[in-house]
Amino acid sequence: MASLIVVDDESLVTDFLSFLLEREGHSVHAAAHGKEALELVGRVRPALIITDLMMPIMSGLELARQLRLEHEVRPVPIILCSGVPDPVTAEDRHLFTAILRKPYPPAILVSLVAHHAR
């Protein structure tokens, strides 16, 4: 189906999401922080990116800002998953296709990925 990048500094999260989304037929590449994800983007050309907000080295917000500056990947959907009640300001909301509040039902993420990953 689609090539995806999952970004989270918690390996249990990336492992679980990789398992969940690979079971749906997707090819999943994991990164531990935004900088690592940026390096992957050039090689993988993802159909969709799922990212945590708070990570070392480069946050999910910084990652989204950087991706939106790059013409080739600007249209790639980005789903933000965060335990923070209000993870982004109104000015930054447009950077993300969807925002999920942790913990969220996995079926919701699967549905969003199916809808937005082309």
PDB file of N, CA and C in Angstrom:
ATOM      1  N   MET A   1       0.841  -1.187   0.000  1.00  0.00           N
ATOM      2  CA  MET A   1       0.000   0.000   0.000  1.00  0.00           C
ATOM      3  C   MET A   1       0.885   1.249   0.000  1.00  0.00           C
ATOM      4  N   ALA A   2       1.063   1.900   1.175  1.00  0.00           N
ATOM      5  CA  ALA A   2       1.798   3.162   1.220  1.00  0.00           C
ATOM      6  C   ALA A   2       3.051   3.042   2.068  1.00  0.00           C
ATOM      7  N   SER A   3       4.004   3.903   1.763  1.00  0.00           N
ATOM      8  CA  SER A   3       5.231   4.000   2.542  1.00  0.00           C
ATOM      9  C   SER A   3       5.021   5.094   3.592  1.00  0.00           C
ATOM     10  N   LEU A   4       5.246   4.750   4.863  1.00  0.00           N
ATOM     11  CA  LEU A   4       4.993   5.666   5.973  1.00  0.00           C
ATOM     12  C   LEU A   4       6.253   5.857   6.808  1.00  0.00           C
ATOM     13  N   ILE A   5       6.332   7.012   7.475  1.00  0.00           N
ATOM     14  CA  ILE A   5       7.378   7.243   8.470  1.00  0.00           C
ATOM     15  C   ILE A   5       6.691   7.499   9.803  1.00  0.00           C
ATOM     16  N   VAL A   6       7.140   6.770  10.833  1.00  0.00           N
ATOM     17  CA  VAL A   6       6.633   6.940  12.193  1.00  0.00           C
ATOM     18  C   VAL A   6       7.783   7.509  13.021  1.00  0.00           C
ATOM     19  N   VAL A   7       7.519   8.622  13.713  1.00  0.00           N
ATOM     20  CA  VAL A   7       8.562   9.315  14.457  1.00  0.00           C
ATOM     21  C   VAL A   7       8.168   9.423  15.924  1.00  0.00           C
ATOM     22  N   ASP A   8       8.957   8.799  16.798  1.00  0.00           N
ATOM     23  CA  ASP A   8       8.703   8.863  18.238  1.00  0.00           C
ATOM     24  C   ASP A   8       9.973   8.437  18.948  1.00  0.00           C
ATOM     25  N   ASP A   9      10.298   9.100  20.043  1.00  0.00           N
ATOM     26  CA  ASP A   9      11.504   8.744  20.792  1.00  0.00           C
ATOM     27  C   ASP A   9      11.294   7.527  21.696  1.00  0.00           C
ATOM     28  N   GLU A  10      10.078   7.054  21.795  1.00  0.00           N
ATOM     29  CA  GLU A  10       9.778   5.844  22.565  1.00  0.00           C
ATOM     30  C   GLU A  10       9.719   4.660  21.597  1.00  0.00           C
ATOM     31  N   SER A  11      10.688   3.751  21.717  1.00  0.00           N
ATOM     32  CA  SER A  11      10.748   2.629  20.779  1.00  0.00           C
ATOM     33  C   SER A  11       9.524   1.716  20.879  1.00  0.00           C
ATOM     34  N   LEU A  12       8.912   1.644  22.065  1.00  0.00           N
ATOM     35  CA  LEU A  12       7.693   0.836  22.179  1.00  0.00           C
ATOM     36  C   LEU A  12       6.580   1.393  21.294  1.00  0.00           C
ATOM     37  N   VAL A  13       6.523   2.708  21.187  1.00  0.00           N
ATOM     38  CA  VAL A  13       5.504   3.342  20.346  1.00  0.00           C
ATOM     39  C   VAL A  13       5.792   3.062  18.876  1.00  0.00           C
ATOM     40  N   THR A  14       7.039   3.275  18.447  1.00  0.00           N
ATOM     41  CA  THR A  14       7.345   3.018  17.038  1.00  0.00           C
ATOM     42  C   THR A  14       7.180   1.544  16.696  1.00  0.00           C
ATOM     43  N   ASP A  15       7.540   0.663  17.624  1.00  0.00           N
ATOM     44  CA  ASP A  15       7.364  -0.774  17.381  1.00  0.00           C
ATOM     45  C   ASP A  15       5.886  -1.130  17.231  1.00  0.00           C
ATOM     46  N   PHE A  16       5.061  -0.600  18.140  1.00  0.00           N
ATOM     47  CA  PHE A  16       3.626  -0.899  18.081  1.00  0.00           C
ATOM     48  C   PHE A  16       3.002  -0.345  16.802  1.00  0.00           C
ATOM     49  N   LEU A  17       3.302   0.920  16.481  1.00  0.00           N
ATOM     50  CA  LEU A  17       2.712   1.522  15.285  1.00  0.00           C
ATOM     51  C   LEU A  17       3.204   0.833  14.013  1.00  0.00           C
ATOM     52  N   SER A  18       4.461   0.434  14.005  1.00  0.00           N
ATOM     53  CA  SER A  18       4.988  -0.301  12.851  1.00  0.00           C
ATOM     54  C   SER A  18       4.222  -1.606  12.666  1.00  0.00           C
ATOM     55  N   PHE A  19       4.057  -2.351  13.751  1.00  0.00           N
ATOM     56  CA  PHE A  19       3.304  -3.611  13.699  1.00  0.00           C
ATOM     57  C   PHE A  19       1.875  -3.376  13.219  1.00  0.00           C
ATOM     58  N   LEU A  20       1.205  -2.399  13.824  1.00  0.00           N
ATOM     59  CA  LEU A  20      -0.187  -2.091  13.491  1.00  0.00           C
ATOM     60  C   LEU A  20      -0.342  -1.722  12.012  1.00  0.00           C
ATOM     61  N   LEU A  21       0.525  -0.854  11.534  1.00  0.00           N
ATOM     62  CA  LEU A  21       0.377  -0.346  10.169  1.00  0.00           C
ATOM     63  C   LEU A  21       0.911  -1.319   9.118  1.00  0.00           C
ATOM     64  N   GLU A  22       1.923  -2.097   9.462  1.00  0.00           N
ATOM     65  CA  GLU A  22       2.394  -3.130   8.537  1.00  0.00           C
ATOM     66  C   GLU A  22       1.330  -4.210   8.356  1.00  0.00           C
ATOM     67  N   ARG A  23       0.592  -4.473   9.433  1.00  0.00           N
ATOM     68  CA  ARG A  23      -0.517  -5.431   9.351  1.00  0.00           C
ATOM     69  C   ARG A  23      -1.590  -4.959   8.365  1.00  0.00           C
ATOM     70  N   GLU A  24      -1.661  -3.655   8.169  1.00  0.00           N
ATOM     71  CA  GLU A  24      -2.613  -3.074   7.213  1.00  0.00           C
ATOM     72  C   GLU A  24      -2.027  -3.033   5.799  1.00  0.00           C
ATOM     73  N   GLY A  25      -0.794  -3.514   5.650  1.00  0.00           N
ATOM     74  CA  GLY A  25      -0.182  -3.576   4.335  1.00  0.00           C
ATOM     75  C   GLY A  25       0.783  -2.457   3.990  1.00  0.00           C
ATOM     76  N   HIS A  26       1.047  -1.568   4.933  1.00  0.00           N
ATOM     77  CA  HIS A  26       1.935  -0.436   4.674  1.00  0.00           C
ATOM     78  C   HIS A  26       3.393  -0.811   4.937  1.00  0.00           C
ATOM     79  N   SER A  27       4.274  -0.089   4.302  1.00  0.00           N
ATOM     80  CA  SER A  27       5.705  -0.189   4.562  1.00  0.00           C
ATOM     81  C   SER A  27       6.038   0.921   5.563  1.00  0.00           C
ATOM     82  N   VAL A  28       6.568   0.564   6.729  1.00  0.00           N
ATOM     83  CA  VAL A  28       6.775   1.537   7.798  1.00  0.00           C
ATOM     84  C   VAL A  28       8.261   1.680   8.109  1.00  0.00           C
ATOM     85  N   HIS A  29       8.694   2.940   8.192  1.00  0.00           N
ATOM     86  CA  HIS A  29      10.069   3.281   8.549  1.00  0.00           C
ATOM     87  C   HIS A  29      10.007   4.106   9.825  1.00  0.00           C
ATOM     88  N   ALA A  30      10.823   3.754  10.819  1.00  0.00           N
ATOM     89  CA  ALA A  30      10.779   4.423  12.121  1.00  0.00           C
ATOM     90  C   ALA A  30      11.968   5.359  12.302  1.00  0.00           C
ATOM     91  N   ALA A  31      11.710   6.458  12.998  1.00  0.00           N
ATOM     92  CA  ALA A  31      12.749   7.428  13.368  1.00  0.00           C
ATOM     93  C   ALA A  31      12.543   7.803  14.825  1.00  0.00           C
ATOM     94  N   ALA A  32      13.649   8.078  15.526  1.00  0.00           N
ATOM     95  CA  ALA A  32      13.596   8.383  16.954  1.00  0.00           C
ATOM     96  C   ALA A  32      13.414   9.867  17.250  1.00  0.00           C
ATOM     97  N   HIS A  33      13.570  10.718  16.239  1.00  0.00           N
ATOM     98  CA  HIS A  33      13.391  12.162  16.419  1.00  0.00           C
ATOM     99  C   HIS A  33      13.249  12.814  15.047  1.00  0.00           C
ATOM    100  N   GLY A  34      12.923  14.077  15.035  1.00  0.00           N
ATOM    101  CA  GLY A  34      12.654  14.776  13.792  1.00  0.00           C
ATOM    102  C   GLY A  34      13.819  14.825  12.832  1.00  0.00           C
ATOM    103  N   LYS A  35      15.032  14.994  13.347  1.00  0.00           N
ATOM    104  CA  LYS A  35      16.195  15.067  12.466  1.00  0.00           C
ATOM    105  C   LYS A  35      16.396  13.752  11.720  1.00  0.00           C
ATOM    106  N   GLU A  36      16.230  12.654  12.429  1.00  0.00           N
ATOM    107  CA  GLU A  36      16.339  11.339  11.795  1.00  0.00           C
ATOM    108  C   GLU A  36      15.229  11.162  10.749  1.00  0.00           C
ATOM    109  N   ALA A  37      14.052  11.663  11.054  1.00  0.00           N
ATOM    110  CA  ALA A  37      12.933  11.571  10.110  1.00  0.00           C
ATOM    111  C   ALA A  37      13.221  12.368   8.845  1.00  0.00           C
ATOM    112  N   LEU A  38      13.817  13.545   8.984  1.00  0.00           N
ATOM    113  CA  LEU A  38      14.164  14.346   7.803  1.00  0.00           C
ATOM    114  C   LEU A  38      15.123  13.589   6.892  1.00  0.00           C
ATOM    115  N   GLU A  39      16.070  12.880   7.478  1.00  0.00           N
ATOM    116  CA  GLU A  39      17.012  12.090   6.690  1.00  0.00           C
ATOM    117  C   GLU A  39      16.283  10.960   5.952  1.00  0.00           C
ATOM    118  N   LEU A  40      15.307  10.362   6.621  1.00  0.00           N
ATOM    119  CA  LEU A  40      14.526   9.283   5.999  1.00  0.00           C
ATOM    120  C   LEU A  40      13.661   9.783   4.849  1.00  0.00           C
ATOM    121  N   VAL A  41      13.116  10.970   4.998  1.00  0.00           N
ATOM    122  CA  VAL A  41      12.186  11.513   4.004  1.00  0.00           C
ATOM    123  C   VAL A  41      12.814  11.535   2.618  1.00  0.00           C
ATOM    124  N   GLY A  42      14.072  11.912   2.544  1.00  0.00           N
ATOM    125  CA  GLY A  42      14.740  11.975   1.252  1.00  0.00           C
ATOM    126  C   GLY A  42      14.899  10.618   0.593  1.00  0.00           C
ATOM    127  N   ARG A  43      15.075   9.578   1.389  1.00  0.00           N
ATOM    128  CA  ARG A  43      15.261   8.227   0.848  1.00  0.00           C
ATOM    129  C   ARG A  43      13.947   7.499   0.615  1.00  0.00           C
ATOM    130  N   VAL A  44      12.990   7.689   1.512  1.00  0.00           N
ATOM    131  CA  VAL A  44      11.761   6.891   1.517  1.00  0.00           C
ATOM    132  C   VAL A  44      10.649   7.494   0.658  1.00  0.00           C
ATOM    133  N   ARG A  45      10.585   8.816   0.564  1.00  0.00           N
ATOM    134  CA  ARG A  45       9.478   9.498  -0.117  1.00  0.00           C
ATOM    135  C   ARG A  45       8.138   9.003   0.419  1.00  0.00           C
ATOM    136  N   PRO A  46       7.847   9.290   1.696  1.00  0.00           N
ATOM    137  CA  PRO A  46       6.646   8.742   2.330  1.00  0.00           C
ATOM    138  C   PRO A  46       5.351   9.324   1.783  1.00  0.00           C
ATOM    139  N   ALA A  47       4.308   8.524   1.892  1.00  0.00           N
ATOM    140  CA  ALA A  47       2.965   8.985   1.549  1.00  0.00           C
ATOM    141  C   ALA A  47       2.338   9.705   2.729  1.00  0.00           C
ATOM    142  N   LEU A  48       2.891   9.463   3.940  1.00  0.00           N
ATOM    143  CA  LEU A  48       2.324  10.046   5.158  1.00  0.00           C
ATOM    144  C   LEU A  48       3.356   9.923   6.271  1.00  0.00           C
ATOM    145  N   ILE A  49       3.332  10.881   7.193  1.00  0.00           N
ATOM    146  CA  ILE A  49       4.226  10.877   8.357  1.00  0.00           C
ATOM    147  C   ILE A  49       3.379  10.966   9.613  1.00  0.00           C
ATOM    148  N   ILE A  50       3.705  10.131  10.592  1.00  0.00           N
ATOM    149  CA  ILE A  50       3.063  10.162  11.909  1.00  0.00           C
ATOM    150  C   ILE A  50       4.151  10.553  12.895  1.00  0.00           C
ATOM    151  N   THR A  51       3.933  11.602  13.668  1.00  0.00           N
ATOM    152  CA  THR A  51       4.973  12.064  14.573  1.00  0.00           C
ATOM    153  C   THR A  51       4.458  12.396  15.962  1.00  0.00           C
ATOM    154  N   ASP A  52       5.327  12.160  16.927  1.00  0.00           N
ATOM    155  CA  ASP A  52       5.110  12.613  18.294  1.00  0.00           C
ATOM    156  C   ASP A  52       5.450  14.098  18.321  1.00  0.00           C
ATOM    157  N   LEU A  53       5.092  14.778  19.389  1.00  0.00           N
ATOM    158  CA  LEU A  53       5.411  16.192  19.514  1.00  0.00           C
ATOM    159  C   LEU A  53       6.752  16.387  20.212  1.00  0.00           C
ATOM    160  N   MET A  54       6.840  15.899  21.443  1.00  0.00           N
ATOM    161  CA  MET A  54       8.010  16.178  22.277  1.00  0.00           C
ATOM    162  C   MET A  54       9.042  15.061  22.146  1.00  0.00           C
ATOM    163  N   MET A  55      10.176  15.412  21.483  1.00  0.00           N
ATOM    164  CA  MET A  55      11.267  14.472  21.265  1.00  0.00           C
ATOM    165  C   MET A  55      12.576  15.239  21.372  1.00  0.00           C
ATOM    166  N   PRO A  56      13.654  14.548  21.694  1.00  0.00           N
ATOM    167  CA  PRO A  56      14.952  15.220  21.726  1.00  0.00           C
ATOM    168  C   PRO A  56      15.430  15.544  20.312  1.00  0.00           C
ATOM    169  N   ILE A  57      16.392  16.391  20.214  1.00  0.00           N
ATOM    170  CA  ILE A  57      17.066  16.802  18.978  1.00  0.00           C
ATOM    171  C   ILE A  57      16.165  17.649  18.083  1.00  0.00           C
ATOM    172  N   MET A  58      15.014  17.124  17.667  1.00  0.00           N
ATOM    173  CA  MET A  58      14.069  17.907  16.868  1.00  0.00           C
ATOM    174  C   MET A  58      12.656  17.432  17.169  1.00  0.00           C
ATOM    175  N   SER A  59      11.806  18.352  17.589  1.00  0.00           N
ATOM    176  CA  SER A  59      10.423  18.016  17.947  1.00  0.00           C
ATOM    177  C   SER A  59       9.573  17.768  16.704  1.00  0.00           C
ATOM    178  N   GLY A  60       8.391  17.238  16.934  1.00  0.00           N
ATOM    179  CA  GLY A  60       7.446  17.032  15.841  1.00  0.00           C
ATOM    180  C   GLY A  60       7.010  18.340  15.203  1.00  0.00           C
ATOM    181  N   LEU A  61       6.912  19.388  15.991  1.00  0.00           N
ATOM    182  CA  LEU A  61       6.544  20.703  15.462  1.00  0.00           C
ATOM    183  C   LEU A  61       7.663  21.240  14.575  1.00  0.00           C
ATOM    184  N   GLU A  62       8.902  21.126  15.029  1.00  0.00           N
ATOM    185  CA  GLU A  62      10.038  21.573  14.219  1.00  0.00           C
ATOM    186  C   GLU A  62      10.132  20.761  12.922  1.00  0.00           C
ATOM    187  N   LEU A  63       9.875  19.472  13.026  1.00  0.00           N
ATOM    188  CA  LEU A  63       9.878  18.607  11.843  1.00  0.00           C
ATOM    189  C   LEU A  63       8.834  19.084  10.840  1.00  0.00           C
ATOM    190  N   ALA A  64       7.619  19.310  11.300  1.00  0.00           N
ATOM    191  CA  ALA A  64       6.535  19.747  10.409  1.00  0.00           C
ATOM    192  C   ALA A  64       6.869  21.091   9.762  1.00  0.00           C
ATOM    193  N   ARG A  65       7.413  22.014  10.540  1.00  0.00           N
ATOM    194  CA  ARG A  65       7.787  23.321   9.970  1.00  0.00           C
ATOM    195  C   ARG A  65       8.819  23.153   8.866  1.00  0.00           C
ATOM    196  N   GLN A  66       9.818  22.316   9.108  1.00  0.00           N
ATOM    197  CA  GLN A  66      10.867  22.085   8.115  1.00  0.00           C
ATOM    198  C   GLN A  66      10.297  21.423   6.854  1.00  0.00           C
ATOM    199  N   LEU A  67       9.460  20.422   7.036  1.00  0.00           N
ATOM    200  CA  LEU A  67       8.878  19.729   5.888  1.00  0.00           C
ATOM    201  C   LEU A  67       8.013  20.653   5.039  1.00  0.00           C
ATOM    202  N   ARG A  68       7.302  21.556   5.669  1.00  0.00           N
ATOM    203  CA  ARG A  68       6.424  22.470   4.923  1.00  0.00           C
ATOM    204  C   ARG A  68       7.215  23.501   4.118  1.00  0.00           C
ATOM    205  N   LEU A  69       8.515  23.640   4.422  1.00  0.00           N
ATOM    206  CA  LEU A  69       9.362  24.547   3.648  1.00  0.00           C
ATOM    207  C   LEU A  69       9.921  23.888   2.396  1.00  0.00           C
ATOM    208  N   GLU A  70       9.939  22.569   2.375  1.00  0.00           N
ATOM    209  CA  GLU A  70      10.525  21.829   1.263  1.00  0.00           C
ATOM    210  C   GLU A  70       9.452  21.506   0.225  1.00  0.00           C
ATOM    211  N   HIS A  71       9.628  22.043  -0.947  1.00  0.00           N
ATOM    212  CA  HIS A  71       8.619  21.936  -2.007  1.00  0.00           C
ATOM    213  C   HIS A  71       8.186  20.501  -2.309  1.00  0.00           C
ATOM    214  N   GLU A  72       9.136  19.579  -2.394  1.00  0.00           N
ATOM    215  CA  GLU A  72       8.809  18.212  -2.796  1.00  0.00           C
ATOM    216  C   GLU A  72       7.955  17.464  -1.776  1.00  0.00           C
ATOM    217  N   VAL A  73       8.123  17.767  -0.502  1.00  0.00           N
ATOM    218  CA  VAL A  73       7.375  17.038   0.530  1.00  0.00           C
ATOM    219  C   VAL A  73       6.309  17.889   1.218  1.00  0.00           C
ATOM    220  N   ARG A  74       6.152  19.101   0.779  1.00  0.00           N
ATOM    221  CA  ARG A  74       5.159  19.992   1.388  1.00  0.00           C
ATOM    222  C   ARG A  74       3.760  19.383   1.455  1.00  0.00           C
ATOM    223  N   PRO A  75       3.296  18.681   0.408  1.00  0.00           N
ATOM    224  CA  PRO A  75       1.933  18.139   0.463  1.00  0.00           C
ATOM    225  C   PRO A  75       1.778  16.843   1.256  1.00  0.00           C
ATOM    226  N   VAL A  76       2.870  16.263   1.752  1.00  0.00           N
ATOM    227  CA  VAL A  76       2.779  14.997   2.491  1.00  0.00           C
ATOM    228  C   VAL A  76       1.976  15.216   3.772  1.00  0.00           C
ATOM    229  N   PRO A  77       0.932  14.435   3.997  1.00  0.00           N
ATOM    230  CA  PRO A  77       0.139  14.567   5.222  1.00  0.00           C
ATOM    231  C   PRO A  77       0.979  14.222   6.461  1.00  0.00           C
ATOM    232  N   ILE A  78       0.776  14.992   7.514  1.00  0.00           N
ATOM    233  CA  ILE A  78       1.461  14.750   8.779  1.00  0.00           C
ATOM    234  C   ILE A  78       0.405  14.617   9.871  1.00  0.00           C
ATOM    235  N   ILE A  79       0.448  13.505  10.586  1.00  0.00           N
ATOM    236  CA  ILE A  79      -0.449  13.295  11.720  1.00  0.00           C
ATOM    237  C   ILE A  79       0.376  13.459  12.986  1.00  0.00           C
ATOM    238  N   LEU A  80      -0.053  14.349  13.848  1.00  0.00           N
ATOM    239  CA  LEU A  80       0.614  14.585  15.130  1.00  0.00           C
ATOM    240  C   LEU A  80      -0.115  13.796  16.207  1.00  0.00           C
ATOM    241  N   CYS A  81       0.650  13.030  16.991  1.00  0.00           N
ATOM    242  CA  CYS A  81       0.097  12.264  18.112  1.00  0.00           C
ATOM    243  C   CYS A  81       0.794  12.756  19.369  1.00  0.00           C
ATOM    244  N   SER A  82       0.029  13.281  20.314  1.00  0.00           N
ATOM    245  CA  SER A  82       0.647  13.861  21.503  1.00  0.00           C
ATOM    246  C   SER A  82      -0.244  13.690  22.725  1.00  0.00           C
ATOM    247  N   GLY A  83       0.406  13.563  23.868  1.00  0.00           N
ATOM    248  CA  GLY A  83      -0.312  13.518  25.130  1.00  0.00           C
ATOM    249  C   GLY A  83      -0.554  14.895  25.706  1.00  0.00           C
ATOM    250  N   VAL A  84       0.001  15.914  25.080  1.00  0.00           N
ATOM    251  CA  VAL A  84      -0.151  17.297  25.535  1.00  0.00           C
ATOM    252  C   VAL A  84      -1.566  17.768  25.200  1.00  0.00           C
ATOM    253  N   PRO A  85      -2.278  18.386  26.166  1.00  0.00           N
ATOM    254  CA  PRO A  85      -3.669  18.805  25.920  1.00  0.00           C
ATOM    255  C   PRO A  85      -3.849  19.726  24.710  1.00  0.00           C
ATOM    256  N   ASP A  86      -3.046  20.756  24.590  1.00  0.00           N
ATOM    257  CA  ASP A  86      -3.099  21.665  23.438  1.00  0.00           C
ATOM    258  C   ASP A  86      -1.717  21.688  22.809  1.00  0.00           C
ATOM    259  N   PRO A  87      -1.410  20.711  21.958  1.00  0.00           N
ATOM    260  CA  PRO A  87      -0.037  20.535  21.488  1.00  0.00           C
ATOM    261  C   PRO A  87       0.504  21.635  20.580  1.00  0.00           C
ATOM    262  N   VAL A  88      -0.357  22.316  19.842  1.00  0.00           N
ATOM    263  CA  VAL A  88       0.114  23.372  18.934  1.00  0.00           C
ATOM    264  C   VAL A  88      -0.798  24.589  19.037  1.00  0.00           C
ATOM    265  N   THR A  89      -0.234  25.721  18.662  1.00  0.00           N
ATOM    266  CA  THR A  89      -1.011  26.959  18.649  1.00  0.00           C
ATOM    267  C   THR A  89      -1.895  26.993  17.404  1.00  0.00           C
ATOM    268  N   ALA A  90      -2.812  27.906  17.397  1.00  0.00           N
ATOM    269  CA  ALA A  90      -3.701  28.061  16.246  1.00  0.00           C
ATOM    270  C   ALA A  90      -2.898  28.376  14.980  1.00  0.00           C
ATOM    271  N   GLU A  91      -1.785  29.121  15.132  1.00  0.00           N
ATOM    272  CA  GLU A  91      -0.957  29.471  13.980  1.00  0.00           C
ATOM    273  C   GLU A  91      -0.259  28.254  13.373  1.00  0.00           C
ATOM    274  N   ASP A  92      -0.004  27.230  14.187  1.00  0.00           N
ATOM    275  CA  ASP A  92       0.709  26.042  13.706  1.00  0.00           C
ATOM    276  C   ASP A  92      -0.218  24.881  13.354  1.00  0.00           C
ATOM    277  N   ARG A  93      -1.475  25.006  13.593  1.00  0.00           N
ATOM    278  CA  ARG A  93      -2.432  23.925  13.341  1.00  0.00           C
ATOM    279  C   ARG A  93      -2.430  23.472  11.884  1.00  0.00           C
ATOM    280  N   HIS A  94      -2.230  24.423  10.978  1.00  0.00           N
ATOM    281  CA  HIS A  94      -2.254  24.115   9.538  1.00  0.00           C
ATOM    282  C   HIS A  94      -1.114  23.189   9.090  1.00  0.00           C
ATOM    283  N   LEU A  95      -0.105  23.025   9.919  1.00  0.00           N
ATOM    284  CA  LEU A  95       1.028  22.163   9.573  1.00  0.00           C
ATOM    285  C   LEU A  95       0.642  20.679   9.571  1.00  0.00           C
ATOM    286  N   PHE A  96      -0.438  20.348  10.276  1.00  0.00           N
ATOM    287  CA  PHE A  96      -0.816  18.959  10.486  1.00  0.00           C
ATOM    288  C   PHE A  96      -2.153  18.631   9.825  1.00  0.00           C
ATOM    289  N   THR A  97      -2.203  17.459   9.241  1.00  0.00           N
ATOM    290  CA  THR A  97      -3.433  16.962   8.628  1.00  0.00           C
ATOM    291  C   THR A  97      -4.436  16.577   9.703  1.00  0.00           C
ATOM    292  N   ALA A  98      -3.919  16.008  10.792  1.00  0.00           N
ATOM    293  CA  ALA A  98      -4.756  15.607  11.929  1.00  0.00           C
ATOM    294  C   ALA A  98      -3.907  15.642  13.187  1.00  0.00           C
ATOM    295  N   ILE A  99      -4.575  15.830  14.321  1.00  0.00           N
ATOM    296  CA  ILE A  99      -3.917  15.793  15.619  1.00  0.00           C
ATOM    297  C   ILE A  99      -4.684  14.818  16.500  1.00  0.00           C
ATOM    298  N   LEU A 100      -3.973  13.807  17.002  1.00  0.00           N
ATOM    299  CA  LEU A 100      -4.576  12.820  17.899  1.00  0.00           C
ATOM    300  C   LEU A 100      -4.014  13.003  19.296  1.00  0.00           C
ATOM    301  N   ARG A 101      -4.875  12.912  20.280  1.00  0.00           N
ATOM    302  CA  ARG A 101      -4.457  13.028  21.684  1.00  0.00           C
ATOM    303  C   ARG A 101      -4.232  11.636  22.244  1.00  0.00           C
ATOM    304  N   LYS A 102      -3.015  11.383  22.730  1.00  0.00           N
ATOM    305  CA  LYS A 102      -2.680  10.095  23.353  1.00  0.00           C
ATOM    306  C   LYS A 102      -3.376   9.979  24.694  1.00  0.00           C
ATOM    307  N   PRO A 103      -3.851   8.844  25.050  1.00  0.00           N
ATOM    308  CA  PRO A 103      -3.964   7.632  24.231  1.00  0.00           C
ATOM    309  C   PRO A 103      -5.176   7.740  23.310  1.00  0.00           C
ATOM    310  N   TYR A 104      -5.054   7.222  22.140  1.00  0.00           N
ATOM    311  CA  TYR A 104      -6.135   7.234  21.156  1.00  0.00           C
ATOM    312  C   TYR A 104      -6.397   5.791  20.721  1.00  0.00           C
ATOM    313  N   PRO A 105      -7.597   5.503  20.281  1.00  0.00           N
ATOM    314  CA  PRO A 105      -7.881   4.152  19.777  1.00  0.00           C
ATOM    315  C   PRO A 105      -7.081   3.899  18.501  1.00  0.00           C
ATOM    316  N   PRO A 106      -6.344   2.807  18.419  1.00  0.00           N
ATOM    317  CA  PRO A 106      -5.565   2.513  17.212  1.00  0.00           C
ATOM    318  C   PRO A 106      -6.399   2.528  15.931  1.00  0.00           C
ATOM    319  N   ALA A 107      -7.656   2.145  16.028  1.00  0.00           N
ATOM    320  CA  ALA A 107      -8.522   2.125  14.837  1.00  0.00           C
ATOM    321  C   ALA A 107      -8.671   3.519  14.227  1.00  0.00           C
ATOM    322  N   ILE A 108      -8.625   4.553  15.047  1.00  0.00           N
ATOM    323  CA  ILE A 108      -8.735   5.921  14.525  1.00  0.00           C
ATOM    324  C   ILE A 108      -7.504   6.247  13.685  1.00  0.00           C
ATOM    325  N   LEU A 109      -6.323   5.886  14.180  1.00  0.00           N
ATOM    326  CA  LEU A 109      -5.106   6.131  13.412  1.00  0.00           C
ATOM    327  C   LEU A 109      -5.121   5.332  12.113  1.00  0.00           C
ATOM    328  N   VAL A 110      -5.508   4.082  12.174  1.00  0.00           N
ATOM    329  CA  VAL A 110      -5.582   3.242  10.967  1.00  0.00           C
ATOM    330  C   VAL A 110      -6.522   3.881   9.946  1.00  0.00           C
ATOM    331  N   SER A 111      -7.635   4.387  10.408  1.00  0.00           N
ATOM    332  CA  SER A 111      -8.601   5.032   9.522  1.00  0.00           C
ATOM    333  C   SER A 111      -8.026   6.302   8.891  1.00  0.00           C
ATOM    334  N   LEU A 112      -7.350   7.119   9.692  1.00  0.00           N
ATOM    335  CA  LEU A 112      -6.739   8.345   9.165  1.00  0.00           C
ATOM    336  C   LEU A 112      -5.666   8.018   8.130  1.00  0.00           C
ATOM    337  N   VAL A 113      -4.865   7.020   8.411  1.00  0.00           N
ATOM    338  CA  VAL A 113      -3.821   6.620   7.478  1.00  0.00           C
ATOM    339  C   VAL A 113      -4.453   6.124   6.173  1.00  0.00           C
ATOM    340  N   ALA A 114      -5.472   5.301   6.270  1.00  0.00           N
ATOM    341  CA  ALA A 114      -6.146   4.798   5.072  1.00  0.00           C
ATOM    342  C   ALA A 114      -6.726   5.933   4.236  1.00  0.00           C
ATOM    343  N   HIS A 115      -7.226   6.946   4.898  1.00  0.00           N
ATOM    344  CA  HIS A 115      -7.862   8.071   4.200  1.00  0.00           C
ATOM    345  C   HIS A 115      -6.836   9.022   3.564  1.00  0.00           C
ATOM    346  N   HIS A 116      -5.713   9.268   4.261  1.00  0.00           N
ATOM    347  CA  HIS A 116      -4.784  10.304   3.808  1.00  0.00           C
ATOM    348  C   HIS A 116      -3.540   9.799   3.078  1.00  0.00           C
ATOM    349  N   ALA A 117      -3.171   8.541   3.251  1.00  0.00           N
ATOM    350  CA  ALA A 117      -1.971   8.020   2.574  1.00  0.00           C
ATOM    351  C   ALA A 117      -2.332   7.582   1.169  1.00  0.00           C
ATOM    352  N   ARG A 118      -1.763   8.208   0.202  1.00  0.00           N
ATOM    353  CA  ARG A 118      -2.091   7.899  -1.186  1.00  0.00           C
ATOM    354  C   ARG A 118      -0.855   7.410  -1.908  1.00  0.00           C
TER     355      ARG A 118
END
